[in-house]
Amino acid sequence: MLNLLILLIVIALVAGAFGFTGIAGGAAGLAKIVFGVLVAGIIIVVLLMAFGISLIA
């Protein structure tokens, strides 16, 4: 998921540099969503670890 986030940021930067603002805006918007999902997943995993719940059986 982190790879996808980095890819979307690079696409947004390159598209913005070449003047494709619509594509840059779309990639940046998707990067925000992926970042939010990534942060939420990390928080959930940390909370589960704090309560001693193992994700691996």
PDB file of N, CA and C in Angstrom:
ATOM      1  N   MET A   1       0.824  -1.180   0.000  1.00  0.00           N
ATOM      2  CA  MET A   1       0.000   0.000   0.000  1.00  0.00           C
ATOM      3  C   MET A   1       0.878   1.257   0.000  1.00  0.00           C
ATOM      4  N   LEU A   2       2.001   1.175   0.695  1.00  0.00           N
ATOM      5  CA  LEU A   2       2.918   2.307   0.700  1.00  0.00           C
ATOM      6  C   LEU A   2       3.502   2.533  -0.694  1.00  0.00           C
ATOM      7  N   ASN A   3       3.730   1.452  -1.429  1.00  0.00           N
ATOM      8  CA  ASN A   3       4.215   1.578  -2.804  1.00  0.00           C
ATOM      9  C   ASN A   3       3.196   2.311  -3.673  1.00  0.00           C
ATOM     10  N   LEU A   4       1.922   1.999  -3.491  1.00  0.00           N
ATOM     11  CA  LEU A   4       0.863   2.666  -4.253  1.00  0.00           C
ATOM     12  C   LEU A   4       0.828   4.151  -3.916  1.00  0.00           C
ATOM     13  N   LEU A   5       0.995   4.473  -2.647  1.00  0.00           N
ATOM     14  CA  LEU A   5       0.992   5.869  -2.221  1.00  0.00           C
ATOM     15  C   LEU A   5       2.138   6.639  -2.874  1.00  0.00           C
ATOM     16  N   ILE A   6       3.324   6.060  -2.855  1.00  0.00           N
ATOM     17  CA  ILE A   6       4.481   6.715  -3.464  1.00  0.00           C
ATOM     18  C   ILE A   6       4.281   6.873  -4.968  1.00  0.00           C
ATOM     19  N   LEU A   7       3.742   5.854  -5.619  1.00  0.00           N
ATOM     20  CA  LEU A   7       3.482   5.922  -7.050  1.00  0.00           C
ATOM     21  C   LEU A   7       2.501   7.045  -7.385  1.00  0.00           C
ATOM     22  N   LEU A   8       1.431   7.170  -6.615  1.00  0.00           N
ATOM     23  CA  LEU A   8       0.440   8.219  -6.877  1.00  0.00           C
ATOM     24  C   LEU A   8       1.026   9.604  -6.663  1.00  0.00           C
ATOM     25  N   ILE A   9       1.889   9.763  -5.659  1.00  0.00           N
ATOM     26  CA  ILE A   9       2.515  11.056  -5.423  1.00  0.00           C
ATOM     27  C   ILE A   9       3.444  11.410  -6.577  1.00  0.00           C
ATOM     28  N   VAL A  10       4.204  10.438  -7.060  1.00  0.00           N
ATOM     29  CA  VAL A  10       5.104  10.690  -8.192  1.00  0.00           C
ATOM     30  C   VAL A  10       4.305  11.053  -9.439  1.00  0.00           C
ATOM     31  N   ILE A  11       3.217  10.335  -9.686  1.00  0.00           N
ATOM     32  CA  ILE A  11       2.368  10.654 -10.840  1.00  0.00           C
ATOM     33  C   ILE A  11       1.825  12.073 -10.727  1.00  0.00           C
ATOM     34  N   ALA A  12       1.379  12.453  -9.539  1.00  0.00           N
ATOM     35  CA  ALA A  12       0.844  13.800  -9.349  1.00  0.00           C
ATOM     36  C   ALA A  12       1.909  14.862  -9.588  1.00  0.00           C
ATOM     37  N   LEU A  13       3.127  14.622  -9.090  1.00  0.00           N
ATOM     38  CA  LEU A  13       4.200  15.595  -9.278  1.00  0.00           C
ATOM     39  C   LEU A  13       4.603  15.730 -10.744  1.00  0.00           C
ATOM     40  N   VAL A  14       4.741  14.607 -11.432  1.00  0.00           N
ATOM     41  CA  VAL A  14       5.146  14.641 -12.842  1.00  0.00           C
ATOM     42  C   VAL A  14       4.050  15.273 -13.696  1.00  0.00           C
ATOM     43  N   ALA A  15       2.810  14.891 -13.450  1.00  0.00           N
ATOM     44  CA  ALA A  15       1.702  15.458 -14.230  1.00  0.00           C
ATOM     45  C   ALA A  15       1.571  16.954 -13.967  1.00  0.00           C
ATOM     46  N   GLY A  16       1.767  17.364 -12.735  1.00  0.00           N
ATOM     47  CA  GLY A  16       1.712  18.793 -12.417  1.00  0.00           C
ATOM     48  C   GLY A  16       2.844  19.565 -13.077  1.00  0.00           C
ATOM     49  N   ALA A  17       4.026  18.951 -13.137  1.00  0.00           N
ATOM     50  CA  ALA A  17       5.174  19.616 -13.763  1.00  0.00           C
ATOM     51  C   ALA A  17       4.948  19.824 -15.260  1.00  0.00           C
ATOM     52  N   PHE A  18       4.234  18.906 -15.889  1.00  0.00           N
ATOM     53  CA  PHE A  18       3.975  19.029 -17.320  1.00  0.00           C
ATOM     54  C   PHE A  18       2.677  19.781 -17.635  1.00  0.00           C
ATOM     55  N   GLY A  19       1.982  20.239 -16.595  1.00  0.00           N
ATOM     56  CA  GLY A  19       0.796  21.056 -16.813  1.00  0.00           C
ATOM     57  C   GLY A  19      -0.514  20.298 -16.883  1.00  0.00           C
ATOM     58  N   PHE A  20      -0.496  19.010 -16.629  1.00  0.00           N
ATOM     59  CA  PHE A  20      -1.741  18.229 -16.633  1.00  0.00           C
ATOM     60  C   PHE A  20      -2.380  18.313 -15.254  1.00  0.00           C
ATOM     61  N   THR A  21      -3.020  19.432 -14.985  1.00  0.00           N
ATOM     62  CA  THR A  21      -3.525  19.679 -13.633  1.00  0.00           C
ATOM     63  C   THR A  21      -4.674  18.751 -13.253  1.00  0.00           C
ATOM     64  N   GLY A  22      -5.478  18.344 -14.224  1.00  0.00           N
ATOM     65  CA  GLY A  22      -6.586  17.431 -13.915  1.00  0.00           C
ATOM     66  C   GLY A  22      -6.082  16.082 -13.454  1.00  0.00           C
ATOM     67  N   ILE A  23      -5.098  15.552 -14.156  1.00  0.00           N
ATOM     68  CA  ILE A  23      -4.510  14.265 -13.782  1.00  0.00           C
ATOM     69  C   ILE A  23      -3.781  14.393 -12.457  1.00  0.00           C
ATOM     70  N   ALA A  24      -3.070  15.512 -12.270  1.00  0.00           N
ATOM     71  CA  ALA A  24      -2.334  15.732 -11.023  1.00  0.00           C
ATOM     72  C   ALA A  24      -3.293  15.810  -9.838  1.00  0.00           C
ATOM     73  N   GLY A  25      -4.401  16.499 -10.026  1.00  0.00           N
ATOM     74  CA  GLY A  25      -5.395  16.609  -8.953  1.00  0.00           C
ATOM     75  C   GLY A  25      -6.023  15.270  -8.617  1.00  0.00           C
ATOM     76  N   GLY A  26      -6.300  14.489  -9.644  1.00  0.00           N
ATOM     77  CA  GLY A  26      -6.882  13.160  -9.415  1.00  0.00           C
ATOM     78  C   GLY A  26      -5.926  12.236  -8.685  1.00  0.00           C
ATOM     79  N   ALA A  27      -4.668  12.243  -9.102  1.00  0.00           N
ATOM     80  CA  ALA A  27      -3.672  11.396  -8.443  1.00  0.00           C
ATOM     81  C   ALA A  27      -3.440  11.852  -7.010  1.00  0.00           C
ATOM     82  N   ALA A  28      -3.435  13.158  -6.785  1.00  0.00           N
ATOM     83  CA  ALA A  28      -3.252  13.670  -5.429  1.00  0.00           C
ATOM     84  C   ALA A  28      -4.441  13.297  -4.547  1.00  0.00           C
ATOM     85  N   GLY A  29      -5.632  13.357  -5.106  1.00  0.00           N
ATOM     86  CA  GLY A  29      -6.822  12.958  -4.344  1.00  0.00           C
ATOM     87  C   GLY A  29      -6.793  11.489  -3.963  1.00  0.00           C
ATOM     88  N   LEU A  30      -6.405  10.646  -4.917  1.00  0.00           N
ATOM     89  CA  LEU A  30      -6.286   9.220  -4.613  1.00  0.00           C
ATOM     90  C   LEU A  30      -5.187   8.956  -3.594  1.00  0.00           C
ATOM     91  N   ALA A  31      -4.094   9.716  -3.668  1.00  0.00           N
ATOM     92  CA  ALA A  31      -3.007   9.558  -2.703  1.00  0.00           C
ATOM     93  C   ALA A  31      -3.478   9.905  -1.294  1.00  0.00           C
ATOM     94  N   LYS A  32      -4.333  10.906  -1.170  1.00  0.00           N
ATOM     95  CA  LYS A  32      -4.888  11.270   0.139  1.00  0.00           C
ATOM     96  C   LYS A  32      -5.726  10.134   0.705  1.00  0.00           C
ATOM     97  N   ILE A  33      -6.528   9.513  -0.138  1.00  0.00           N
ATOM     98  CA  ILE A  33      -7.385   8.411   0.313  1.00  0.00           C
ATOM     99  C   ILE A  33      -6.536   7.223   0.750  1.00  0.00           C
ATOM    100  N   VAL A  34      -5.540   6.866  -0.070  1.00  0.00           N
ATOM    101  CA  VAL A  34      -4.668   5.734   0.263  1.00  0.00           C
ATOM    102  C   VAL A  34      -3.906   6.019   1.556  1.00  0.00           C
ATOM    103  N   PHE A  35      -3.451   7.262   1.731  1.00  0.00           N
ATOM    104  CA  PHE A  35      -2.741   7.635   2.953  1.00  0.00           C
ATOM    105  C   PHE A  35      -3.655   7.488   4.168  1.00  0.00           C
ATOM    106  N   GLY A  36      -4.895   7.915   4.051  1.00  0.00           N
ATOM    107  CA  GLY A  36      -5.850   7.784   5.158  1.00  0.00           C
ATOM    108  C   GLY A  36      -6.097   6.338   5.532  1.00  0.00           C
ATOM    109  N   VAL A  37      -6.250   5.482   4.530  1.00  0.00           N
ATOM    110  CA  VAL A  37      -6.455   4.055   4.789  1.00  0.00           C
ATOM    111  C   VAL A  37      -5.217   3.446   5.446  1.00  0.00           C
ATOM    112  N   LEU A  38      -4.042   3.839   4.981  1.00  0.00           N
ATOM    113  CA  LEU A  38      -2.793   3.339   5.554  1.00  0.00           C
ATOM    114  C   LEU A  38      -2.662   3.745   7.016  1.00  0.00           C
ATOM    115  N   VAL A  39      -2.925   4.995   7.332  1.00  0.00           N
ATOM    116  CA  VAL A  39      -2.826   5.467   8.712  1.00  0.00           C
ATOM    117  C   VAL A  39      -3.860   4.764   9.597  1.00  0.00           C
ATOM    118  N   ALA A  40      -5.071   4.598   9.102  1.00  0.00           N
ATOM    119  CA  ALA A  40      -6.104   3.907   9.877  1.00  0.00           C
ATOM    120  C   ALA A  40      -5.692   2.463  10.156  1.00  0.00           C
ATOM    121  N   GLY A  41      -5.121   1.797   9.163  1.00  0.00           N
ATOM    122  CA  GLY A  41      -4.665   0.421   9.361  1.00  0.00           C
ATOM    123  C   GLY A  41      -3.561   0.324  10.389  1.00  0.00           C
ATOM    124  N   ILE A  42      -2.630   1.263  10.354  1.00  0.00           N
ATOM    125  CA  ILE A  42      -1.545   1.256  11.335  1.00  0.00           C
ATOM    126  C   ILE A  42      -2.084   1.489  12.738  1.00  0.00           C
ATOM    127  N   ILE A  43      -3.022   2.406  12.886  1.00  0.00           N
ATOM    128  CA  ILE A  43      -3.611   2.680  14.202  1.00  0.00           C
ATOM    129  C   ILE A  43      -4.344   1.454  14.725  1.00  0.00           C
ATOM    130  N   ILE A  44      -5.093   0.775  13.874  1.00  0.00           N
ATOM    131  CA  ILE A  44      -5.815  -0.426  14.300  1.00  0.00           C
ATOM    132  C   ILE A  44      -4.851  -1.510  14.750  1.00  0.00           C
ATOM    133  N   VAL A  45      -3.779  -1.716  13.996  1.00  0.00           N
ATOM    134  CA  VAL A  45      -2.799  -2.744  14.350  1.00  0.00           C
ATOM    135  C   VAL A  45      -2.130  -2.404  15.675  1.00  0.00           C
ATOM    136  N   VAL A  46      -1.771  -1.145  15.881  1.00  0.00           N
ATOM    137  CA  VAL A  46      -1.130  -0.738  17.136  1.00  0.00           C
ATOM    138  C   VAL A  46      -2.073  -0.929  18.318  1.00  0.00           C
ATOM    139  N   LEU A  47      -3.342  -0.586  18.146  1.00  0.00           N
ATOM    140  CA  LEU A  47      -4.310  -0.782  19.220  1.00  0.00           C
ATOM    141  C   LEU A  47      -4.504  -2.264  19.539  1.00  0.00           C
ATOM    142  N   LEU A  48      -4.594  -3.092  18.517  1.00  0.00           N
ATOM    143  CA  LEU A  48      -4.737  -4.524  18.755  1.00  0.00           C
ATOM    144  C   LEU A  48      -3.519  -5.086  19.479  1.00  0.00           C
ATOM    145  N   MET A  49      -2.326  -4.627  19.102  1.00  0.00           N
ATOM    146  CA  MET A  49      -1.126  -5.075  19.784  1.00  0.00           C
ATOM    147  C   MET A  49      -1.091  -4.612  21.226  1.00  0.00           C
ATOM    148  N   ALA A  50      -1.609  -3.404  21.495  1.00  0.00           N
ATOM    149  CA  ALA A  50      -1.631  -2.863  22.862  1.00  0.00           C
ATOM    150  C   ALA A  50      -2.559  -3.692  23.754  1.00  0.00           C
ATOM    151  N   PHE A  51      -3.625  -4.218  23.203  1.00  0.00           N
ATOM    152  CA  PHE A  51      -4.557  -5.036  23.973  1.00  0.00           C
ATOM    153  C   PHE A  51      -4.185  -6.506  23.968  1.00  0.00           C
ATOM    154  N   GLY A  52      -3.092  -6.844  23.325  1.00  0.00           N
ATOM    155  CA  GLY A  52      -2.591  -8.216  23.334  1.00  0.00           C
ATOM    156  C   GLY A  52      -3.309  -9.144  22.378  1.00  0.00           C
ATOM    157  N   ILE A  53      -3.970  -8.610  21.385  1.00  0.00           N
ATOM    158  CA  ILE A  53      -4.683  -9.428  20.413  1.00  0.00           C
ATOM    159  C   ILE A  53      -3.733  -9.711  19.253  1.00  0.00           C
ATOM    160  N   SER A  54      -3.483 -10.965  18.981  1.00  0.00           N
ATOM    161  CA  SER A  54      -2.570 -11.324  17.918  1.00  0.00           C
ATOM    162  C   SER A  54      -3.317 -11.442  16.597  1.00  0.00           C
ATOM    163  N   LEU A  55      -2.724 -10.905  15.550  1.00  0.00           N
ATOM    164  CA  LEU A  55      -3.338 -11.002  14.227  1.00  0.00           C
ATOM    165  C   LEU A  55      -2.981 -12.327  13.552  1.00  0.00           C
ATOM    166  N   ILE A  56      -1.944 -12.969  14.036  1.00  0.00           N
ATOM    167  CA  ILE A  56      -1.503 -14.245  13.495  1.00  0.00           C
ATOM    168  C   ILE A  56      -1.874 -15.344  14.494  1.00  0.00           C
ATOM    169  N   ALA A  57      -2.668 -16.299  14.060  1.00  0.00           N
ATOM    170  CA  ALA A  57      -3.171 -17.332  14.980  1.00  0.00           C
ATOM    171  C   ALA A  57      -2.110 -18.281  15.424  1.00  0.00           C
TER     172      ALA A  57
END
